[in-house]
């Protein structure tokens, strides 16, 4: 499964995700006569993430984010990921700390309104 986000300012979001999440941009398709993106393919932590701008002139509705929509990253070094995201401009939603189930977990929100959960699995050794 590949998440595909519609973001107002997808080109800016791609640059932001490169700084905040260490993303690598693989492909970009700009709209004709516009700075908006029809498609952008990123790789974050080994998984694909795709983005595009909203195109209401083609019938797309308003971009709406809800608290129920969360992108989750499972990483080995949660502190490094957490620090990089916050330094890039994300804001804390839930502090990154040991969760009741044993993993380290936290949530942050990026400047585009996307909620990200960061999970560092507990060391079972």
PDB file of N, CA and C in Angstrom:
ATOM      1  N   UNK A   1       0.845  -1.158   0.000  1.00  0.00           N
ATOM      2  CA  UNK A   1       0.000   0.000   0.000  1.00  0.00           C
ATOM      3  C   UNK A   1       0.902   1.235   0.000  1.00  0.00           C
ATOM      4  N   UNK A   2       0.547   2.210  -0.806  1.00  0.00           N
ATOM      5  CA  UNK A   2       1.332   3.442  -0.871  1.00  0.00           C
ATOM      6  C   UNK A   2       0.427   4.618  -0.531  1.00  0.00           C
ATOM      7  N   UNK A   3       0.722   5.342   0.546  1.00  0.00           N
ATOM      8  CA  UNK A   3      -0.075   6.532   0.862  1.00  0.00           C
ATOM      9  C   UNK A   3       0.101   7.587  -0.221  1.00  0.00           C
ATOM     10  N   UNK A   4      -0.995   8.266  -0.555  1.00  0.00           N
ATOM     11  CA  UNK A   4      -0.978   9.322  -1.567  1.00  0.00           C
ATOM     12  C   UNK A   4      -1.692  10.531  -0.962  1.00  0.00           C
ATOM     13  N   UNK A   5      -0.929  11.566  -0.652  1.00  0.00           N
ATOM     14  CA  UNK A   5      -1.465  12.749   0.010  1.00  0.00           C
ATOM     15  C   UNK A   5      -1.709  13.880  -0.975  1.00  0.00           C
ATOM     16  N   UNK A   6      -2.847  14.521  -0.849  1.00  0.00           N
ATOM     17  CA  UNK A   6      -3.110  15.760  -1.573  1.00  0.00           C
ATOM     18  C   UNK A   6      -2.786  16.888  -0.616  1.00  0.00           C
ATOM     19  N   UNK A   7      -1.856  17.746  -1.036  1.00  0.00           N
ATOM     20  CA  UNK A   7      -1.341  18.799  -0.166  1.00  0.00           C
ATOM     21  C   UNK A   7      -1.331  20.115  -0.924  1.00  0.00           C
ATOM     22  N   UNK A   8      -1.834  21.169  -0.301  1.00  0.00           N
ATOM     23  CA  UNK A   8      -1.693  22.497  -0.881  1.00  0.00           C
ATOM     24  C   UNK A   8      -0.218  22.879  -0.763  1.00  0.00           C
ATOM     25  N   UNK A   9       0.478  22.944  -1.893  1.00  0.00           N
ATOM     26  CA  UNK A   9       1.907  23.231  -1.874  1.00  0.00           C
ATOM     27  C   UNK A   9       2.735  21.960  -1.870  1.00  0.00           C
ATOM     28  N   UNK A  10       2.433  21.028  -2.764  1.00  0.00           N
ATOM     29  CA  UNK A  10       3.120  19.735  -2.792  1.00  0.00           C
ATOM     30  C   UNK A  10       4.621  19.873  -3.052  1.00  0.00           C
ATOM     31  N   UNK A  11       5.036  20.827  -3.878  1.00  0.00           N
ATOM     32  CA  UNK A  11       6.472  21.016  -4.137  1.00  0.00           C
ATOM     33  C   UNK A  11       7.181  21.442  -2.852  1.00  0.00           C
ATOM     34  N   UNK A  12       6.563  22.347  -2.107  1.00  0.00           N
ATOM     35  CA  UNK A  12       7.124  22.776  -0.824  1.00  0.00           C
ATOM     36  C   UNK A  12       7.130  21.609   0.164  1.00  0.00           C
ATOM     37  N   UNK A  13       6.075  20.806   0.150  1.00  0.00           N
ATOM     38  CA  UNK A  13       5.998  19.650   1.048  1.00  0.00           C
ATOM     39  C   UNK A  13       7.116  18.659   0.748  1.00  0.00           C
ATOM     40  N   UNK A  14       7.404  18.432  -0.534  1.00  0.00           N
ATOM     41  CA  UNK A  14       8.485  17.523  -0.886  1.00  0.00           C
ATOM     42  C   UNK A  14       9.809  18.006  -0.304  1.00  0.00           C
ATOM     43  N   UNK A  15      10.111  19.267  -0.478  1.00  0.00           N
ATOM     44  CA  UNK A  15      11.345  19.826   0.082  1.00  0.00           C
ATOM     45  C   UNK A  15      11.350  19.717   1.603  1.00  0.00           C
ATOM     46  N   UNK A  16      10.198  19.981   2.214  1.00  0.00           N
ATOM     47  CA  UNK A  16      10.105  19.887   3.665  1.00  0.00           C
ATOM     48  C   UNK A  16      10.350  18.449   4.135  1.00  0.00           C
ATOM     49  N   UNK A  17       9.719  17.471   3.478  1.00  0.00           N
ATOM     50  CA  UNK A  17       9.886  16.079   3.883  1.00  0.00           C
ATOM     51  C   UNK A  17      11.327  15.608   3.673  1.00  0.00           C
ATOM     52  N   UNK A  18      12.013  16.175   2.702  1.00  0.00           N
ATOM     53  CA  UNK A  18      13.426  15.844   2.522  1.00  0.00           C
ATOM     54  C   UNK A  18      14.234  16.319   3.736  1.00  0.00           C
ATOM     55  N   UNK A  19      13.916  17.511   4.241  1.00  0.00           N
ATOM     56  CA  UNK A  19      14.621  18.027   5.426  1.00  0.00           C
ATOM     57  C   UNK A  19      14.172  17.328   6.705  1.00  0.00           C
ATOM     58  N   UNK A  20      12.867  17.220   6.893  1.00  0.00           N
ATOM     59  CA  UNK A  20      12.318  16.752   8.170  1.00  0.00           C
ATOM     60  C   UNK A  20      12.357  15.235   8.336  1.00  0.00           C
ATOM     61  N   UNK A  21      12.220  14.498   7.229  1.00  0.00           N
ATOM     62  CA  UNK A  21      12.098  13.046   7.319  1.00  0.00           C
ATOM     63  C   UNK A  21      13.186  12.302   6.554  1.00  0.00           C
ATOM     64  N   UNK A  22      14.139  13.041   5.996  1.00  0.00           N
ATOM     65  CA  UNK A  22      15.182  12.390   5.224  1.00  0.00           C
ATOM     66  C   UNK A  22      14.668  11.759   3.941  1.00  0.00           C
ATOM     67  N   UNK A  23      13.561  12.273   3.405  1.00  0.00           N
ATOM     68  CA  UNK A  23      12.964  11.715   2.186  1.00  0.00           C
ATOM     69  C   UNK A  23      13.882  11.916   0.990  1.00  0.00           C
ATOM     70  N   UNK A  24      13.737  11.023   0.040  1.00  0.00           N
ATOM     71  CA  UNK A  24      14.417  11.150  -1.245  1.00  0.00           C
ATOM     72  C   UNK A  24      13.345  11.270  -2.314  1.00  0.00           C
ATOM     73  N   UNK A  25      13.433  12.304  -3.129  1.00  0.00           N
ATOM     74  CA  UNK A  25      12.461  12.478  -4.210  1.00  0.00           C
ATOM     75  C   UNK A  25      12.914  11.677  -5.423  1.00  0.00           C
ATOM     76  N   UNK A  26      12.052  10.782  -5.904  1.00  0.00           N
ATOM     77  CA  UNK A  26      12.374   9.942  -7.058  1.00  0.00           C
ATOM     78  C   UNK A  26      11.804  10.485  -8.350  1.00  0.00           C
ATOM     79  N   UNK A  27      10.640  11.116  -8.255  1.00  0.00           N
ATOM     80  CA  UNK A  27       9.962  11.572  -9.473  1.00  0.00           C
ATOM     81  C   UNK A  27       9.093  12.774  -9.160  1.00  0.00           C
ATOM     82  N   UNK A  28       9.011  13.669 -10.126  1.00  0.00           N
ATOM     83  CA  UNK A  28       8.184  14.867  -9.985  1.00  0.00           C
ATOM     84  C   UNK A  28       7.572  15.179 -11.341  1.00  0.00           C
ATOM     85  N   UNK A  29       6.261  15.430 -11.351  1.00  0.00           N
ATOM     86  CA  UNK A  29       5.565  15.799 -12.578  1.00  0.00           C
ATOM     87  C   UNK A  29       4.793  17.090 -12.312  1.00  0.00           C
ATOM     88  N   UNK A  30       5.264  18.169 -12.917  1.00  0.00           N
ATOM     89  CA  UNK A  30       4.617  19.472 -12.728  1.00  0.00           C
ATOM     90  C   UNK A  30       3.421  19.613 -13.667  1.00  0.00           C
ATOM     91  N   UNK A  31       2.439  20.364 -13.200  1.00  0.00           N
ATOM     92  CA  UNK A  31       1.284  20.671 -14.034  1.00  0.00           C
ATOM     93  C   UNK A  31       1.700  21.684 -15.093  1.00  0.00           C
ATOM     94  N   UNK A  32       1.134  21.568 -16.261  1.00  0.00           N
ATOM     95  CA  UNK A  32       1.435  22.507 -17.340  1.00  0.00           C
ATOM     96  C   UNK A  32       0.964  23.910 -16.960  1.00  0.00           C
ATOM     97  N   UNK A  33       1.811  24.900 -17.158  1.00  0.00           N
ATOM     98  CA  UNK A  33       1.498  26.310 -16.887  1.00  0.00           C
ATOM     99  C   UNK A  33       1.165  26.571 -15.422  1.00  0.00           C
ATOM    100  N   UNK A  34       1.783  25.818 -14.513  1.00  0.00           N
ATOM    101  CA  UNK A  34       1.489  25.983 -13.100  1.00  0.00           C
ATOM    102  C   UNK A  34       2.676  25.520 -12.269  1.00  0.00           C
ATOM    103  N   UNK A  35       2.794  26.060 -11.076  1.00  0.00           N
ATOM    104  CA  UNK A  35       3.833  25.602 -10.150  1.00  0.00           C
ATOM    105  C   UNK A  35       3.363  24.378  -9.366  1.00  0.00           C
ATOM    106  N   UNK A  36       2.104  24.000  -9.528  1.00  0.00           N
ATOM    107  CA  UNK A  36       1.567  22.853  -8.792  1.00  0.00           C
ATOM    108  C   UNK A  36       2.072  21.532  -9.378  1.00  0.00           C
ATOM    109  N   UNK A  37       2.058  20.519  -8.532  1.00  0.00           N
ATOM    110  CA  UNK A  37       2.507  19.195  -8.946  1.00  0.00           C
ATOM    111  C   UNK A  37       1.316  18.272  -9.184  1.00  0.00           C
ATOM    112  N   UNK A  38       1.368  17.589 -10.333  1.00  0.00           N
ATOM    113  CA  UNK A  38       0.393  16.536 -10.612  1.00  0.00           C
ATOM    114  C   UNK A  38       0.749  15.270  -9.837  1.00  0.00           C
ATOM    115  N   UNK A  39       2.063  15.103  -9.608  1.00  0.00           N
ATOM    116  CA  UNK A  39       2.525  13.875  -8.952  1.00  0.00           C
ATOM    117  C   UNK A  39       3.936  14.085  -8.421  1.00  0.00           C
ATOM    118  N   UNK A  40       4.206  13.517  -7.262  1.00  0.00           N
ATOM    119  CA  UNK A  40       5.544  13.525  -6.688  1.00  0.00           C
ATOM    120  C   UNK A  40       5.720  12.219  -5.916  1.00  0.00           C
ATOM    121  N   UNK A  41       6.791  11.500  -6.218  1.00  0.00           N
ATOM    122  CA  UNK A  41       7.067  10.220  -5.568  1.00  0.00           C
ATOM    123  C   UNK A  41       8.297  10.390  -4.683  1.00  0.00           C
ATOM    124  N   UNK A  42       8.106  10.144  -3.391  1.00  0.00           N
ATOM    125  CA  UNK A  42       9.181  10.201  -2.404  1.00  0.00           C
ATOM    126  C   UNK A  42       9.400   8.821  -1.807  1.00  0.00           C
ATOM    127  N   UNK A  43      10.586   8.612  -1.257  1.00  0.00           N
ATOM    128  CA  UNK A  43      10.861   7.430  -0.443  1.00  0.00           C
ATOM    129  C   UNK A  43      11.255   7.949   0.933  1.00  0.00           C
ATOM    130  N   UNK A  44      10.527   7.479   1.945  1.00  0.00           N
ATOM    131  CA  UNK A  44      10.776   7.845   3.334  1.00  0.00           C
ATOM    132  C   UNK A  44      10.990   6.561   4.128  1.00  0.00           C
ATOM    133  N   UNK A  45      12.156   6.437   4.740  1.00  0.00           N
ATOM    134  CA  UNK A  45      12.437   5.274   5.586  1.00  0.00           C
ATOM    135  C   UNK A  45      12.202   3.958   4.843  1.00  0.00           C
ATOM    136  N   UNK A  46      12.523   3.925   3.547  1.00  0.00           N
ATOM    137  CA  UNK A  46      12.390   2.716   2.758  1.00  0.00           C
ATOM    138  C   UNK A  46      11.029   2.487   2.133  1.00  0.00           C
ATOM    139  N   UNK A  47      10.044   3.327   2.425  1.00  0.00           N
ATOM    140  CA  UNK A  47       8.702   3.167   1.868  1.00  0.00           C
ATOM    141  C   UNK A  47       8.317   4.337   0.984  1.00  0.00           C
ATOM    142  N   UNK A  48       7.463   4.079   0.027  1.00  0.00           N
ATOM    143  CA  UNK A  48       7.010   5.127  -0.880  1.00  0.00           C
ATOM    144  C   UNK A  48       5.944   6.004  -0.253  1.00  0.00           C
ATOM    145  N   UNK A  49       6.003   7.278  -0.594  1.00  0.00           N
ATOM    146  CA  UNK A  49       4.985   8.259  -0.248  1.00  0.00           C
ATOM    147  C   UNK A  49       4.772   9.102  -1.495  1.00  0.00           C
ATOM    148  N   UNK A  50       3.529   9.270  -1.892  1.00  0.00           N
ATOM    149  CA  UNK A  50       3.237  10.061  -3.076  1.00  0.00           C
ATOM    150  C   UNK A  50       2.401  11.266  -2.687  1.00  0.00           C
ATOM    151  N   UNK A  51       2.626  12.368  -3.404  1.00  0.00           N
ATOM    152  CA  UNK A  51       1.925  13.623  -3.138  1.00  0.00           C
ATOM    153  C   UNK A  51       1.475  14.256  -4.437  1.00  0.00           C
ATOM    154  N   UNK A  52       0.497  15.114  -4.316  1.00  0.00           N
ATOM    155  CA  UNK A  52       0.110  15.985  -5.419  1.00  0.00           C
ATOM    156  C   UNK A  52      -0.557  17.219  -4.818  1.00  0.00           C
ATOM    157  N   UNK A  53      -0.642  18.250  -5.635  1.00  0.00           N
ATOM    158  CA  UNK A  53      -1.412  19.428  -5.245  1.00  0.00           C
ATOM    159  C   UNK A  53      -2.889  19.164  -5.478  1.00  0.00           C
ATOM    160  N   UNK A  54      -3.703  19.991  -4.875  1.00  0.00           N
ATOM    161  CA  UNK A  54      -5.144  19.928  -5.096  1.00  0.00           C
ATOM    162  C   UNK A  54      -5.473  20.634  -6.409  1.00  0.00           C
ATOM    163  N   UNK A  55      -6.407  20.100  -7.161  1.00  0.00           N
ATOM    164  CA  UNK A  55      -6.835  20.700  -8.418  1.00  0.00           C
ATOM    165  C   UNK A  55      -8.360  20.842  -8.407  1.00  0.00           C
ATOM    166  N   UNK A  56      -8.876  21.852  -7.685  1.00  0.00           N
ATOM    167  CA  UNK A  56     -10.333  22.012  -7.600  1.00  0.00           C
ATOM    168  C   UNK A  56     -10.991  22.269  -8.959  1.00  0.00           C
ATOM    169  N   UNK A  57     -10.240  22.817  -9.908  1.00  0.00           N
ATOM    170  CA  UNK A  57     -10.818  23.077 -11.239  1.00  0.00           C
ATOM    171  C   UNK A  57     -11.148  21.794 -11.993  1.00  0.00           C
ATOM    172  N   UNK A  58     -10.651  20.657 -11.475  1.00  0.00           N
ATOM    173  CA  UNK A  58     -10.977  19.369 -12.073  1.00  0.00           C
ATOM    174  C   UNK A  58     -11.917  18.564 -11.191  1.00  0.00           C
ATOM    175  N   UNK A  59     -12.562  19.231 -10.243  1.00  0.00           N
ATOM    176  CA  UNK A  59     -13.566  18.583  -9.416  1.00  0.00           C
ATOM    177  C   UNK A  59     -13.083  18.084  -8.072  1.00  0.00           C
ATOM    178  N   UNK A  60     -11.823  18.294  -7.752  1.00  0.00           N
ATOM    179  CA  UNK A  60     -11.327  17.867  -6.440  1.00  0.00           C
ATOM    180  C   UNK A  60     -11.902  18.774  -5.360  1.00  0.00           C
ATOM    181  N   UNK A  61     -12.276  18.196  -4.246  1.00  0.00           N
ATOM    182  CA  UNK A  61     -12.831  18.978  -3.146  1.00  0.00           C
ATOM    183  C   UNK A  61     -11.734  19.663  -2.349  1.00  0.00           C
ATOM    184  N   UNK A  62     -12.128  20.348  -1.316  1.00  0.00           N
ATOM    185  CA  UNK A  62     -11.193  21.014  -0.420  1.00  0.00           C
ATOM    186  C   UNK A  62     -10.386  19.963   0.342  1.00  0.00           C
ATOM    187  N   UNK A  63      -9.102  20.220   0.502  1.00  0.00           N
ATOM    188  CA  UNK A  63      -8.258  19.310   1.277  1.00  0.00           C
ATOM    189  C   UNK A  63      -8.629  19.462   2.747  1.00  0.00           C
ATOM    190  N   UNK A  64      -8.983  18.345   3.372  1.00  0.00           N
ATOM    191  CA  UNK A  64      -9.344  18.349   4.790  1.00  0.00           C
ATOM    192  C   UNK A  64      -8.536  17.288   5.518  1.00  0.00           C
ATOM    193  N   UNK A  65      -7.977  17.662   6.635  1.00  0.00           N
ATOM    194  CA  UNK A  65      -7.240  16.717   7.461  1.00  0.00           C
ATOM    195  C   UNK A  65      -8.067  16.462   8.724  1.00  0.00           C
ATOM    196  N   UNK A  66      -7.996  15.239   9.229  1.00  0.00           N
ATOM    197  CA  UNK A  66      -8.695  14.933  10.473  1.00  0.00           C
ATOM    198  C   UNK A  66      -7.698  14.327  11.462  1.00  0.00           C
ATOM    199  N   UNK A  67      -8.064  14.323  12.716  1.00  0.00           N
ATOM    200  CA  UNK A  67      -7.230  13.715  13.748  1.00  0.00           C
ATOM    201  C   UNK A  67      -7.162  12.196  13.592  1.00  0.00           C
ATOM    202  N   UNK A  68      -8.029  11.636  12.767  1.00  0.00           N
ATOM    203  CA  UNK A  68      -8.035  10.186  12.571  1.00  0.00           C
ATOM    204  C   UNK A  68      -7.032   9.748  11.504  1.00  0.00           C
ATOM    205  N   UNK A  69      -6.511  10.689  10.724  1.00  0.00           N
ATOM    206  CA  UNK A  69      -5.562  10.370   9.656  1.00  0.00           C
ATOM    207  C   UNK A  69      -4.146  10.555  10.166  1.00  0.00           C
ATOM    208  N   UNK A  70      -3.408   9.456  10.325  1.00  0.00           N
ATOM    209  CA  UNK A  70      -2.057   9.504  10.881  1.00  0.00           C
ATOM    210  C   UNK A  70      -1.122   8.660  10.018  1.00  0.00           C
ATOM    211  N   UNK A  71       0.008   9.242   9.660  1.00  0.00           N
ATOM    212  CA  UNK A  71       1.062   8.519   8.954  1.00  0.00           C
ATOM    213  C   UNK A  71       2.026   8.001  10.028  1.00  0.00           C
ATOM    214  N   UNK A  72       2.352   6.709   9.995  1.00  0.00           N
ATOM    215  CA  UNK A  72       3.220   6.157  11.034  1.00  0.00           C
ATOM    216  C   UNK A  72       4.560   5.717  10.454  1.00  0.00           C
ATOM    217  N   UNK A  73       5.618   6.141  11.129  1.00  0.00           N
ATOM    218  CA  UNK A  73       6.979   5.735  10.787  1.00  0.00           C
ATOM    219  C   UNK A  73       7.513   4.839  11.897  1.00  0.00           C
ATOM    220  N   UNK A  74       8.038   3.688  11.532  1.00  0.00           N
ATOM    221  CA  UNK A  74       8.664   2.788  12.496  1.00  0.00           C
ATOM    222  C   UNK A  74      10.164   2.864  12.240  1.00  0.00           C
ATOM    223  N   UNK A  75      10.899   3.311  13.252  1.00  0.00           N
ATOM    224  CA  UNK A  75      12.318   3.616  13.072  1.00  0.00           C
ATOM    225  C   UNK A  75      13.150   3.000  14.194  1.00  0.00           C
ATOM    226  N   UNK A  76      14.445   2.875  13.941  1.00  0.00           N
ATOM    227  CA  UNK A  76      15.349   2.332  14.941  1.00  0.00           C
ATOM    228  C   UNK A  76      15.901   3.376  15.889  1.00  0.00           C
ATOM    229  N   UNK A  77      16.075   4.605  15.410  1.00  0.00           N
ATOM    230  CA  UNK A  77      16.635   5.681  16.228  1.00  0.00           C
ATOM    231  C   UNK A  77      15.613   6.811  16.342  1.00  0.00           C
ATOM    232  N   UNK A  78      14.650   6.626  17.210  1.00  0.00           N
ATOM    233  CA  UNK A  78      13.560   7.578  17.364  1.00  0.00           C
ATOM    234  C   UNK A  78      14.010   8.971  17.745  1.00  0.00           C
ATOM    235  N   UNK A  79      15.034   9.076  18.598  1.00  0.00           N
ATOM    236  CA  UNK A  79      15.492  10.397  19.022  1.00  0.00           C
ATOM    237  C   UNK A  79      15.998  11.221  17.841  1.00  0.00           C
ATOM    238  N   UNK A  80      16.748  10.591  16.942  1.00  0.00           N
ATOM    239  CA  UNK A  80      17.276  11.311  15.778  1.00  0.00           C
ATOM    240  C   UNK A  80      16.141  11.755  14.850  1.00  0.00           C
ATOM    241  N   UNK A  81      15.199  10.863  14.598  1.00  0.00           N
ATOM    242  CA  UNK A  81      14.060  11.206  13.739  1.00  0.00           C
ATOM    243  C   UNK A  81      13.231  12.325  14.368  1.00  0.00           C
ATOM    244  N   UNK A  82      12.979  12.208  15.667  1.00  0.00           N
ATOM    245  CA  UNK A  82      12.168  13.195  16.385  1.00  0.00           C
ATOM    246  C   UNK A  82      12.828  14.574  16.329  1.00  0.00           C
ATOM    247  N   UNK A  83      14.100  14.618  16.653  1.00  0.00           N
ATOM    248  CA  UNK A  83      14.826  15.895  16.661  1.00  0.00           C
ATOM    249  C   UNK A  83      14.841  16.537  15.281  1.00  0.00           C
ATOM    250  N   UNK A  84      15.124  15.746  14.251  1.00  0.00           N
ATOM    251  CA  UNK A  84      15.173  16.288  12.885  1.00  0.00           C
ATOM    252  C   UNK A  84      13.827  16.872  12.469  1.00  0.00           C
ATOM    253  N   UNK A  85      12.750  16.169  12.780  1.00  0.00           N
ATOM    254  CA  UNK A  85      11.408  16.654  12.405  1.00  0.00           C
ATOM    255  C   UNK A  85      11.072  17.958  13.117  1.00  0.00           C
ATOM    256  N   UNK A  86      11.367  18.027  14.414  1.00  0.00           N
ATOM    257  CA  UNK A  86      11.056  19.249  15.171  1.00  0.00           C
ATOM    258  C   UNK A  86      11.939  20.417  14.733  1.00  0.00           C
ATOM    259  N   UNK A  87      13.208  20.152  14.480  1.00  0.00           N
ATOM    260  CA  UNK A  87      14.109  21.210  14.014  1.00  0.00           C
ATOM    261  C   UNK A  87      13.684  21.749  12.654  1.00  0.00           C
ATOM    262  N   UNK A  88      13.074  20.909  11.825  1.00  0.00           N
ATOM    263  CA  UNK A  88      12.620  21.337  10.501  1.00  0.00           C
ATOM    264  C   UNK A  88      11.333  22.155  10.562  1.00  0.00           C
ATOM    265  N   UNK A  89      10.600  22.079  11.688  1.00  0.00           N
ATOM    266  CA  UNK A  89       9.392  22.880  11.817  1.00  0.00           C
ATOM    267  C   UNK A  89       8.122  22.139  12.180  1.00  0.00           C
ATOM    268  N   UNK A  90       8.223  20.861  12.499  1.00  0.00           N
ATOM    269  CA  UNK A  90       7.039  20.122  12.961  1.00  0.00           C
ATOM    270  C   UNK A  90       6.748  20.511  14.410  1.00  0.00           C
ATOM    271  N   UNK A  91       5.489  20.340  14.806  1.00  0.00           N
ATOM    272  CA  UNK A  91       5.101  20.651  16.182  1.00  0.00           C
ATOM    273  C   UNK A  91       4.652  19.373  16.893  1.00  0.00           C
ATOM    274  N   UNK A  92       4.913  19.329  18.187  1.00  0.00           N
ATOM    275  CA  UNK A  92       4.590  18.150  18.990  1.00  0.00           C
ATOM    276  C   UNK A  92       3.081  18.044  19.190  1.00  0.00           C
ATOM    277  N   UNK A  93       2.564  16.874  18.940  1.00  0.00           N
ATOM    278  CA  UNK A  93       1.161  16.561  19.240  1.00  0.00           C
ATOM    279  C   UNK A  93       1.095  15.672  20.471  1.00  0.00           C
ATOM    280  N   UNK A  94       1.937  14.641  20.518  1.00  0.00           N
ATOM    281  CA  UNK A  94       2.114  13.766  21.678  1.00  0.00           C
ATOM    282  C   UNK A  94       3.609  13.615  21.884  1.00  0.00           C
ATOM    283  N   UNK A  95       4.119  13.854  23.078  1.00  0.00           N
ATOM    284  CA  UNK A  95       5.561  13.748  23.309  1.00  0.00           C
ATOM    285  C   UNK A  95       6.089  12.352  22.986  1.00  0.00           C
ATOM    286  N   UNK A  96       7.326  12.304  22.518  1.00  0.00           N
ATOM    287  CA  UNK A  96       7.981  11.042  22.202  1.00  0.00           C
ATOM    288  C   UNK A  96       8.531  10.449  23.496  1.00  0.00           C
ATOM    289  N   UNK A  97       7.915   9.349  23.932  1.00  0.00           N
ATOM    290  CA  UNK A  97       8.332   8.726  25.192  1.00  0.00           C
ATOM    291  C   UNK A  97       7.915   7.260  25.199  1.00  0.00           C
ATOM    292  N   UNK A  98       8.288   6.556  26.255  1.00  0.00           N
ATOM    293  CA  UNK A  98       7.934   5.152  26.402  1.00  0.00           C
ATOM    294  C   UNK A  98       6.414   5.047  26.563  1.00  0.00           C
ATOM    295  N   UNK A  99       5.807   4.219  25.739  1.00  0.00           N
ATOM    296  CA  UNK A  99       4.358   4.028  25.772  1.00  0.00           C
ATOM    297  C   UNK A  99       4.018   2.842  26.684  1.00  0.00           C
ATOM    298  N   UNK A 100       2.756   2.740  27.134  1.00  0.00           N
ATOM    299  CA  UNK A 100       2.364   1.630  28.025  1.00  0.00           C
ATOM    300  C   UNK A 100       2.632   0.249  27.436  1.00  0.00           C
ATOM    301  N   UNK A 101       2.653   0.115  26.123  1.00  0.00           N
ATOM    302  CA  UNK A 101       2.890  -1.189  25.504  1.00  0.00           C
ATOM    303  C   UNK A 101       4.381  -1.492  25.322  1.00  0.00           C
ATOM    304  N   UNK A 102       5.270  -0.560  25.729  1.00  0.00           N
ATOM    305  CA  UNK A 102       6.704  -0.828  25.743  1.00  0.00           C
ATOM    306  C   UNK A 102       7.525  -0.113  24.684  1.00  0.00           C
ATOM    307  N   UNK A 103       6.938   0.208  23.545  1.00  0.00           N
ATOM    308  CA  UNK A 103       7.655   0.937  22.507  1.00  0.00           C
ATOM    309  C   UNK A 103       7.773   2.406  22.883  1.00  0.00           C
ATOM    310  N   UNK A 104       8.662   3.120  22.234  1.00  0.00           N
ATOM    311  CA  UNK A 104       8.702   4.581  22.358  1.00  0.00           C
ATOM    312  C   UNK A 104       7.839   5.132  21.234  1.00  0.00           C
ATOM    313  N   UNK A 105       6.987   6.102  21.563  1.00  0.00           N
ATOM    314  CA  UNK A 105       5.972   6.572  20.623  1.00  0.00           C
ATOM    315  C   UNK A 105       5.704   8.056  20.850  1.00  0.00           C
ATOM    316  N   UNK A 106       5.457   8.759  19.773  1.00  0.00           N
ATOM    317  CA  UNK A 106       5.055  10.158  19.846  1.00  0.00           C
ATOM    318  C   UNK A 106       4.432  10.572  18.526  1.00  0.00           C
ATOM    319  N   UNK A 107       3.819  11.733  18.517  1.00  0.00           N
ATOM    320  CA  UNK A 107       3.212  12.261  17.295  1.00  0.00           C
ATOM    321  C   UNK A 107       3.608  13.713  17.106  1.00  0.00           C
ATOM    322  N   UNK A 108       3.814  14.102  15.853  1.00  0.00           N
ATOM    323  CA  UNK A 108       4.051  15.496  15.505  1.00  0.00           C
ATOM    324  C   UNK A 108       3.211  15.844  14.285  1.00  0.00           C
ATOM    325  N   UNK A 109       3.019  17.138  14.087  1.00  0.00           N
ATOM    326  CA  UNK A 109       2.236  17.642  12.962  1.00  0.00           C
ATOM    327  C   UNK A 109       3.161  18.478  12.096  1.00  0.00           C
ATOM    328  N   UNK A 110       3.123  18.236  10.799  1.00  0.00           N
ATOM    329  CA  UNK A 110       3.965  19.021   9.902  1.00  0.00           C
ATOM    330  C   UNK A 110       3.246  20.313   9.502  1.00  0.00           C
ATOM    331  N   UNK A 111       3.930  21.245   8.855  1.00  0.00           N
ATOM    332  CA  UNK A 111       3.309  22.526   8.493  1.00  0.00           C
ATOM    333  C   UNK A 111       2.151  22.401   7.505  1.00  0.00           C
ATOM    334  N   UNK A 112       1.950  21.232   6.913  1.00  0.00           N
ATOM    335  CA  UNK A 112       0.872  21.024   5.957  1.00  0.00           C
ATOM    336  C   UNK A 112      -0.344  20.361   6.602  1.00  0.00           C
ATOM    337  N   UNK A 113      -0.268  20.176   7.933  1.00  0.00           N
ATOM    338  CA  UNK A 113      -1.389  19.622   8.678  1.00  0.00           C
ATOM    339  C   UNK A 113      -1.417  18.109   8.761  1.00  0.00           C
ATOM    340  N   UNK A 114      -0.394  17.440   8.248  1.00  0.00           N
ATOM    341  CA  UNK A 114      -0.341  15.978   8.298  1.00  0.00           C
ATOM    342  C   UNK A 114       0.204  15.551   9.662  1.00  0.00           C
ATOM    343  N   UNK A 115      -0.490  14.615  10.300  1.00  0.00           N
ATOM    344  CA  UNK A 115      -0.060  14.066  11.585  1.00  0.00           C
ATOM    345  C   UNK A 115       0.824  12.858  11.319  1.00  0.00           C
ATOM    346  N   UNK A 116       1.965  12.839  11.974  1.00  0.00           N
ATOM    347  CA  UNK A 116       2.924  11.739  11.857  1.00  0.00           C
ATOM    348  C   UNK A 116       3.120  11.104  13.227  1.00  0.00           C
ATOM    349  N   UNK A 117       3.036   9.770  13.282  1.00  0.00           N
ATOM    350  CA  UNK A 117       3.368   9.031  14.489  1.00  0.00           C
ATOM    351  C   UNK A 117       4.757   8.441  14.288  1.00  0.00           C
ATOM    352  N   UNK A 118       5.555   8.518  15.323  1.00  0.00           N
ATOM    353  CA  UNK A 118       6.895   7.951  15.282  1.00  0.00           C
ATOM    354  C   UNK A 118       6.945   6.842  16.324  1.00  0.00           C
ATOM    355  N   UNK A 119       7.318   5.643  15.892  1.00  0.00           N
ATOM    356  CA  UNK A 119       7.375   4.495  16.787  1.00  0.00           C
ATOM    357  C   UNK A 119       8.755   3.867  16.709  1.00  0.00           C
ATOM    358  N   UNK A 120       9.378   3.731  17.865  1.00  0.00           N
ATOM    359  CA  UNK A 120      10.643   3.010  17.982  1.00  0.00           C
ATOM    360  C   UNK A 120      10.352   1.745  18.777  1.00  0.00           C
ATOM    361  N   UNK A 121      10.439   0.569  18.120  1.00  0.00           N
ATOM    362  CA  UNK A 121      10.103  -0.671  18.826  1.00  0.00           C
ATOM    363  C   UNK A 121      10.994  -0.889  20.050  1.00  0.00           C
ATOM    364  N   UNK A 122      10.394  -1.492  21.072  1.00  0.00           N
ATOM    365  CA  UNK A 122      11.139  -1.847  22.274  1.00  0.00           C
ATOM    366  C   UNK A 122      12.182  -2.890  21.942  1.00  0.00           C
ATOM    367  N   UNK A 123      13.295  -2.836  22.607  1.00  0.00           N
ATOM    368  CA  UNK A 123      14.339  -3.840  22.420  1.00  0.00           C
ATOM    369  C   UNK A 123      13.954  -5.066  23.231  1.00  0.00           C
ATOM    370  N   UNK A 124      13.678  -6.145  22.552  1.00  0.00           N
ATOM    371  CA  UNK A 124      13.230  -7.388  23.214  1.00  0.00           C
ATOM    372  C   UNK A 124      14.389  -8.269  23.665  1.00  0.00           C
ATOM    373  N   UNK A 125      15.613  -7.809  23.455  1.00  0.00           N
ATOM    374  CA  UNK A 125      16.777  -8.645  23.784  1.00  0.00           C
ATOM    375  C   UNK A 125      16.972  -8.770  25.272  1.00  0.00           C
TER     376      UNK A 125
END
